[in-house]
Amino acid sequence: MDEQWEQAVRKGDFERVRALIQAGADVNAKDQHGQTALMIAAAEGQTDIATLLVHSGAELNTTAKYNLSALLLAVINRHTEIVRLLVLSGADMQIRASGAPGFAGKTALELAADAGNRELVVILRSRGA
């Protein structure tokens, strides 16, 4: 992933991200940490960018350090609308984090329950409804 692409995602520059996608940017390119743009958007709470990436064919279940996926990152960072988007789009809810203190061996639902986040628990239990 080049720096221009990564910064546009991190800053939530929707128009720039859309232009880069239209120009042929690889929506599944990874940064130096193995994270995709969707993973970054999920962690940063960039809902519009995450939606654009999902609709542009971004891989939902890529994992990076500690086996964290976009869904797990959205849950950890309490980004409700991104969790809903990913669940409704078919993200794998059975992926388990590994290695990260407090996250190891846990699914998105287990992390949400551990954090006491009832809203996320409801979304994850109902598959996004």
Protein backbone atom coordinates (compact mmCIF):
# COMPACT_ATOMS: atom_id res chain seq x y z
CA MET A 1 0.00 0.00 0.00
CA ASP A 2 1.48 3.32 -0.94
CA GLU A 3 1.54 6.23 1.47
CA GLN A 4 -0.94 8.31 -0.53
CA TRP A 5 -3.55 5.52 -0.34
CA GLU A 6 -2.94 4.87 3.36
CA GLN A 7 -3.13 8.55 4.33
CA ALA A 8 -6.35 9.11 2.39
CA VAL A 9 -7.95 6.21 4.28
CA ARG A 10 -6.61 7.27 7.70
CA LYS A 11 -7.76 10.88 7.20
CA GLY A 12 -11.18 9.84 5.95
CA ASP A 13 -10.69 11.61 2.63
CA PHE A 14 -13.64 9.98 0.88
CA GLU A 15 -13.22 11.79 -2.44
CA ARG A 16 -9.51 10.95 -2.61
CA VAL A 17 -10.12 7.30 -1.77
CA ARG A 18 -12.85 7.09 -4.39
CA ALA A 19 -10.60 8.70 -7.00
CA LEU A 20 -7.78 6.29 -6.15
CA ILE A 21 -10.13 3.31 -6.48
CA GLN A 22 -11.39 4.62 -9.82
CA ALA A 23 -7.75 5.00 -10.91
CA GLY A 24 -7.15 1.32 -10.14
CA ALA A 25 -5.81 1.29 -6.58
CA ASP A 26 -5.71 -2.21 -5.11
CA VAL A 27 -8.37 -2.14 -2.39
CA ASN A 28 -6.69 -5.14 -0.76
CA ALA A 29 -3.15 -3.76 -0.71
CA LYS A 30 -1.45 -4.09 2.68
CA ASP A 31 0.59 -1.61 4.67
CA GLN A 32 3.89 -2.42 6.38
CA HIS A 33 1.95 -4.06 9.23
CA GLY A 34 -0.12 -6.29 6.94
CA GLN A 35 -3.28 -4.22 7.31
CA THR A 36 -5.60 -3.46 4.42
CA ALA A 37 -7.42 -0.17 3.88
CA LEU A 38 -10.59 -1.77 5.25
CA MET A 39 -8.79 -2.76 8.43
CA ILE A 40 -7.44 0.77 8.84
CA ALA A 41 -10.86 2.31 8.18
CA ALA A 42 -12.43 -0.08 10.71
CA ALA A 43 -9.87 0.76 13.38
CA GLU A 44 -10.08 4.52 12.73
CA GLY A 45 -13.87 4.67 12.59
CA GLN A 46 -14.02 5.82 8.99
CA THR A 47 -17.53 4.52 8.24
CA ASP A 48 -17.94 6.13 4.81
CA ILE A 49 -14.54 4.85 3.69
CA ALA A 50 -15.28 1.35 5.03
CA THR A 51 -18.58 1.33 3.15
CA LEU A 52 -16.90 2.45 -0.06
CA LEU A 53 -14.23 -0.22 0.32
CA VAL A 54 -16.76 -2.98 0.97
CA HIS A 55 -18.79 -1.92 -2.07
CA SER A 56 -15.55 -1.84 -4.10
CA GLY A 57 -14.82 -5.48 -3.33
CA ALA A 58 -12.48 -5.25 -0.35
CA GLU A 59 -11.70 -8.59 1.25
CA LEU A 60 -13.60 -8.73 4.55
CA ASN A 61 -11.61 -11.37 6.40
CA THR A 62 -7.96 -10.46 5.94
CA THR A 63 -6.06 -10.63 9.22
CA ALA A 64 -2.82 -9.06 10.34
CA LYS A 65 -0.93 -8.89 13.63
CA TYR A 66 -2.62 -10.89 16.40
CA ASN A 67 -4.97 -12.34 13.78
CA LEU A 68 -7.11 -9.20 13.97
CA SER A 69 -9.59 -8.68 11.13
CA ALA A 70 -11.51 -5.53 10.20
CA LEU A 71 -14.47 -6.80 12.25
CA LEU A 72 -12.35 -7.44 15.32
CA LEU A 73 -10.71 -4.01 14.99
CA ALA A 74 -14.10 -2.32 14.68
CA VAL A 75 -15.35 -4.14 17.80
CA ILE A 76 -12.22 -3.34 19.81
CA ASN A 77 -12.55 0.33 18.88
CA ARG A 78 -16.33 0.37 19.40
CA HIS A 79 -17.25 1.53 15.90
CA THR A 80 -20.84 0.34 15.86
CA GLU A 81 -21.82 1.26 12.31
CA ILE A 82 -18.72 -0.38 10.88
CA VAL A 83 -19.44 -3.54 12.89
CA ARG A 84 -22.97 -3.51 11.46
CA LEU A 85 -21.66 -2.97 7.91
CA LEU A 86 -19.15 -5.80 8.17
CA VAL A 87 -21.62 -8.24 9.72
CA LEU A 88 -24.27 -7.48 7.09
CA SER A 89 -21.63 -7.83 4.37
CA GLY A 90 -20.74 -11.33 5.54
CA ALA A 91 -17.57 -10.87 7.57
CA ASP A 92 -16.42 -14.04 9.31
CA MET A 93 -17.54 -13.75 12.91
CA GLN A 94 -15.63 -16.86 13.97
CA ILE A 95 -12.14 -15.41 13.48
CA ARG A 96 -10.32 -15.48 16.80
CA ALA A 97 -7.67 -13.00 17.83
CA SER A 98 -4.32 -14.39 18.92
CA GLY A 99 -1.54 -13.16 21.12
CA ALA A 100 -2.85 -9.73 21.99
CA PRO A 101 -3.28 -9.40 25.76
CA GLY A 102 -6.97 -9.68 26.61
CA PHE A 103 -7.91 -10.57 23.04
CA ALA A 104 -6.26 -13.97 22.54
CA GLY A 105 -8.64 -16.70 21.45
CA LYS A 106 -11.70 -14.43 21.38
CA THR A 107 -14.22 -13.76 18.62
CA ALA A 108 -15.81 -10.39 17.92
CA LEU A 109 -18.88 -11.39 19.96
CA GLU A 110 -16.75 -12.46 22.91
CA LEU A 111 -14.76 -9.21 22.80
CA ALA A 112 -17.94 -7.12 22.69
CA ALA A 113 -19.42 -9.09 25.60
CA ASP A 114 -16.20 -8.77 27.63
CA ALA A 115 -16.26 -5.00 27.07
CA GLY A 116 -19.88 -4.82 28.21
CA ASN A 117 -20.93 -3.30 24.90
CA ARG A 118 -24.54 -4.45 24.68
CA GLU A 119 -25.22 -2.70 21.39
CA LEU A 120 -22.40 -4.55 19.65
CA VAL A 121 -23.45 -7.83 21.25
CA VAL A 122 -26.96 -7.38 19.84
CA ILE A 123 -25.60 -6.61 16.36
CA LEU A 124 -23.26 -9.57 16.41
CA ARG A 125 -25.86 -11.99 17.77
CA SER A 126 -28.45 -10.92 15.21
CA ARG A 127 -25.95 -10.86 12.34
CA GLY A 128 -26.31 -7.09 11.97
CA ALA A 129 -30.06 -6.61 12.12
